[in-house]
Amino acid sequence: MSFGRPPSLSGGFSVSPPDRGSFPLDHYGECKQYMQGYLDCLRKNTNNSTPCRHLNKEYLECRMARGLMDRDEWKNLGLGNVGASDSNTVAKDNPKDRPNAV
């Protein structure tokens, strides 16, 4: 072991894959519109992600399609039961949109 200088590359340096859940940044903004839509939905729903799950799925699909993350099953990502019917739930799931009970 040598302190103060870089380790020798002949000493068995090996590259390991990133931990699960870490993936490359979207430097070219390929999925930026999906990310913005999801973040806007979170803001409108006071950071309640339930009504925005369909947008989260679209964003992750964009990342997987462009190789910015490994493809995985939706159930492993917690989005297995998200379908097209969830896209209309924003207004009814937002507590701000509900009438006040008297």
C-alpha atoms as a PDB file:
ATOM      1  CA  MET A   1       0.000   0.000   0.000  1.00  0.00           C
ATOM      2  CA  SER A   2       1.361   3.385  -0.903  1.00  0.00           C
ATOM      3  CA  PHE A   3       0.024   6.572   0.586  1.00  0.00           C
ATOM      4  CA  GLY A   4       0.308   9.817  -1.328  1.00  0.00           C
ATOM      5  CA  ARG A   5       0.506   8.418  -4.831  1.00  0.00           C
ATOM      6  CA  PRO A   6      -2.050   6.783  -7.108  1.00  0.00           C
ATOM      7  CA  PRO A   7      -2.334   3.010  -6.934  1.00  0.00           C
ATOM      8  CA  SER A   8      -0.629   0.921  -9.553  1.00  0.00           C
ATOM      9  CA  LEU A   9      -2.909  -0.255 -12.363  1.00  0.00           C
ATOM     10  CA  SER A  10      -1.067  -3.555 -12.521  1.00  0.00           C
ATOM     11  CA  GLY A  11      -2.200  -4.296  -8.980  1.00  0.00           C
ATOM     12  CA  GLY A  12      -5.499  -5.780 -10.095  1.00  0.00           C
ATOM     13  CA  PHE A  13      -7.712  -2.779 -10.720  1.00  0.00           C
ATOM     14  CA  SER A  14     -11.170  -3.983 -11.717  1.00  0.00           C
ATOM     15  CA  VAL A  15     -14.215  -2.074 -12.865  1.00  0.00           C
ATOM     16  CA  SER A  16     -17.481  -2.833 -11.117  1.00  0.00           C
ATOM     17  CA  PRO A  17     -20.984  -1.906 -12.291  1.00  0.00           C
ATOM     18  CA  PRO A  18     -22.874   0.845 -10.455  1.00  0.00           C
ATOM     19  CA  ASP A  19     -25.179  -0.032  -7.587  1.00  0.00           C
ATOM     20  CA  ARG A  20     -28.794  -0.764  -8.421  1.00  0.00           C
ATOM     21  CA  GLY A  21     -30.716   2.489  -8.543  1.00  0.00           C
ATOM     22  CA  SER A  22     -27.830   4.608  -9.789  1.00  0.00           C
ATOM     23  CA  PHE A  23     -27.834   5.465 -13.465  1.00  0.00           C
ATOM     24  CA  PRO A  24     -26.269   8.018 -15.832  1.00  0.00           C
ATOM     25  CA  LEU A  25     -27.479  11.580 -15.895  1.00  0.00           C
ATOM     26  CA  ASP A  26     -29.495  12.736 -18.877  1.00  0.00           C
ATOM     27  CA  HIS A  27     -26.814  15.132 -20.161  1.00  0.00           C
ATOM     28  CA  TYR A  28     -28.531  15.678 -23.522  1.00  0.00           C
ATOM     29  CA  GLY A  29     -32.018  16.240 -22.098  1.00  0.00           C
ATOM     30  CA  GLU A  30     -33.506  13.308 -23.986  1.00  0.00           C
ATOM     31  CA  CYS A  31     -36.151  12.724 -21.287  1.00  0.00           C
ATOM     32  CA  LYS A  32     -36.410  16.265 -19.956  1.00  0.00           C
ATOM     33  CA  GLN A  33     -40.011  16.810 -21.106  1.00  0.00           C
ATOM     34  CA  TYR A  34     -41.123  13.675 -19.233  1.00  0.00           C
ATOM     35  CA  MET A  35     -39.227  14.739 -16.121  1.00  0.00           C
ATOM     36  CA  GLN A  36     -40.760  18.244 -16.241  1.00  0.00           C
ATOM     37  CA  GLY A  37     -44.255  16.824 -16.613  1.00  0.00           C
ATOM     38  CA  TYR A  38     -43.730  14.591 -13.585  1.00  0.00           C
ATOM     39  CA  LEU A  39     -42.268  17.402 -11.466  1.00  0.00           C
ATOM     40  CA  ASP A  40     -45.107  19.764 -12.464  1.00  0.00           C
ATOM     41  CA  CYS A  41     -47.626  17.117 -11.441  1.00  0.00           C
ATOM     42  CA  LEU A  42     -45.889  16.723  -8.071  1.00  0.00           C
ATOM     43  CA  ARG A  43     -46.041  20.492  -7.513  1.00  0.00           C
ATOM     44  CA  LYS A  44     -49.747  20.620  -8.394  1.00  0.00           C
ATOM     45  CA  ASN A  45     -50.464  17.765  -5.994  1.00  0.00           C
ATOM     46  CA  THR A  46     -48.388  19.018  -3.035  1.00  0.00           C
ATOM     47  CA  ASN A  47     -45.732  16.328  -3.575  1.00  0.00           C
ATOM     48  CA  ASN A  48     -48.285  13.514  -3.477  1.00  0.00           C
ATOM     49  CA  SER A  49     -46.899  11.089  -6.059  1.00  0.00           C
ATOM     50  CA  THR A  50     -49.965   8.837  -6.328  1.00  0.00           C
ATOM     51  CA  PRO A  51     -51.795  10.890  -8.985  1.00  0.00           C
ATOM     52  CA  CYS A  52     -48.527  11.275 -10.931  1.00  0.00           C
ATOM     53  CA  ARG A  53     -47.582   7.606 -11.200  1.00  0.00           C
ATOM     54  CA  HIS A  54     -48.488   7.408 -14.904  1.00  0.00           C
ATOM     55  CA  LEU A  55     -46.029  10.259 -15.590  1.00  0.00           C
ATOM     56  CA  ASN A  56     -43.362   8.524 -13.530  1.00  0.00           C
ATOM     57  CA  LYS A  57     -43.854   5.414 -15.661  1.00  0.00           C
ATOM     58  CA  GLU A  58     -43.530   7.438 -18.885  1.00  0.00           C
ATOM     59  CA  TYR A  59     -40.320   9.047 -17.597  1.00  0.00           C
ATOM     60  CA  LEU A  60     -38.750   5.722 -16.640  1.00  0.00           C
ATOM     61  CA  GLU A  61     -39.822   4.214 -19.977  1.00  0.00           C
ATOM     62  CA  CYS A  62     -38.032   7.066 -21.754  1.00  0.00           C
ATOM     63  CA  ARG A  63     -34.859   6.418 -19.729  1.00  0.00           C
ATOM     64  CA  MET A  64     -34.986   2.678 -20.411  1.00  0.00           C
ATOM     65  CA  ALA A  65     -35.634   3.182 -24.141  1.00  0.00           C
ATOM     66  CA  ARG A  66     -32.590   5.438 -24.456  1.00  0.00           C
ATOM     67  CA  GLY A  67     -30.234   3.270 -22.404  1.00  0.00           C
ATOM     68  CA  LEU A  68     -30.034   5.698 -19.483  1.00  0.00           C
ATOM     69  CA  MET A  69     -31.034   2.894 -17.130  1.00  0.00           C
ATOM     70  CA  ASP A  70     -31.345  -0.871 -17.365  1.00  0.00           C
ATOM     71  CA  ARG A  71     -34.699  -2.200 -18.462  1.00  0.00           C
ATOM     72  CA  ASP A  72     -36.582  -3.767 -15.581  1.00  0.00           C
ATOM     73  CA  GLU A  73     -40.065  -5.098 -14.990  1.00  0.00           C
ATOM     74  CA  TRP A  74     -42.622  -2.521 -13.884  1.00  0.00           C
ATOM     75  CA  LYS A  75     -43.541  -4.549 -10.807  1.00  0.00           C
ATOM     76  CA  ASN A  76     -39.908  -4.334  -9.650  1.00  0.00           C
ATOM     77  CA  LEU A  77     -40.100  -0.553  -9.980  1.00  0.00           C
ATOM     78  CA  GLY A  78     -43.380  -0.352  -8.053  1.00  0.00           C
ATOM     79  CA  LEU A  79     -45.355   0.578 -11.161  1.00  0.00           C
ATOM     80  CA  GLY A  80     -46.804  -2.788 -12.165  1.00  0.00           C
ATOM     81  CA  ASN A  81     -50.402  -1.740 -11.611  1.00  0.00           C
ATOM     82  CA  VAL A  82     -50.149   1.666 -13.301  1.00  0.00           C
ATOM     83  CA  GLY A  83     -52.183   1.861 -16.486  1.00  0.00           C
ATOM     84  CA  ALA A  84     -53.809   4.390 -18.763  1.00  0.00           C
ATOM     85  CA  SER A  85     -56.756   4.776 -16.376  1.00  0.00           C
ATOM     86  CA  ASP A  86     -54.479   6.516 -13.841  1.00  0.00           C
ATOM     87  CA  SER A  87     -53.958   9.499 -16.145  1.00  0.00           C
ATOM     88  CA  ASN A  88     -57.359  10.953 -15.196  1.00  0.00           C
ATOM     89  CA  THR A  89     -56.905  10.735 -11.420  1.00  0.00           C
ATOM     90  CA  VAL A  90     -55.036  14.005 -10.861  1.00  0.00           C
ATOM     91  CA  ALA A  91     -58.060  16.168 -10.078  1.00  0.00           C
ATOM     92  CA  LYS A  92     -59.958  13.705  -7.920  1.00  0.00           C
ATOM     93  CA  ASP A  93     -56.894  12.648  -5.885  1.00  0.00           C
ATOM     94  CA  ASN A  94     -55.802  16.196  -5.132  1.00  0.00           C
ATOM     95  CA  PRO A  95     -57.163  17.249  -1.714  1.00  0.00           C
ATOM     96  CA  LYS A  96     -57.154  20.902  -2.817  1.00  0.00           C
ATOM     97  CA  ASP A  97     -59.734  20.090  -5.497  1.00  0.00           C
ATOM     98  CA  ARG A  98     -62.181  18.425  -3.107  1.00  0.00           C
ATOM     99  CA  PRO A  99     -65.083  20.476  -1.722  1.00  0.00           C
ATOM    100  CA  ASN A 100     -64.846  21.317   1.964  1.00  0.00           C
ATOM    101  CA  ALA A 101     -67.008  19.155   4.189  1.00  0.00           C
ATOM    102  CA  VAL A 102     -69.249  21.235   6.460  1.00  0.00           C
END
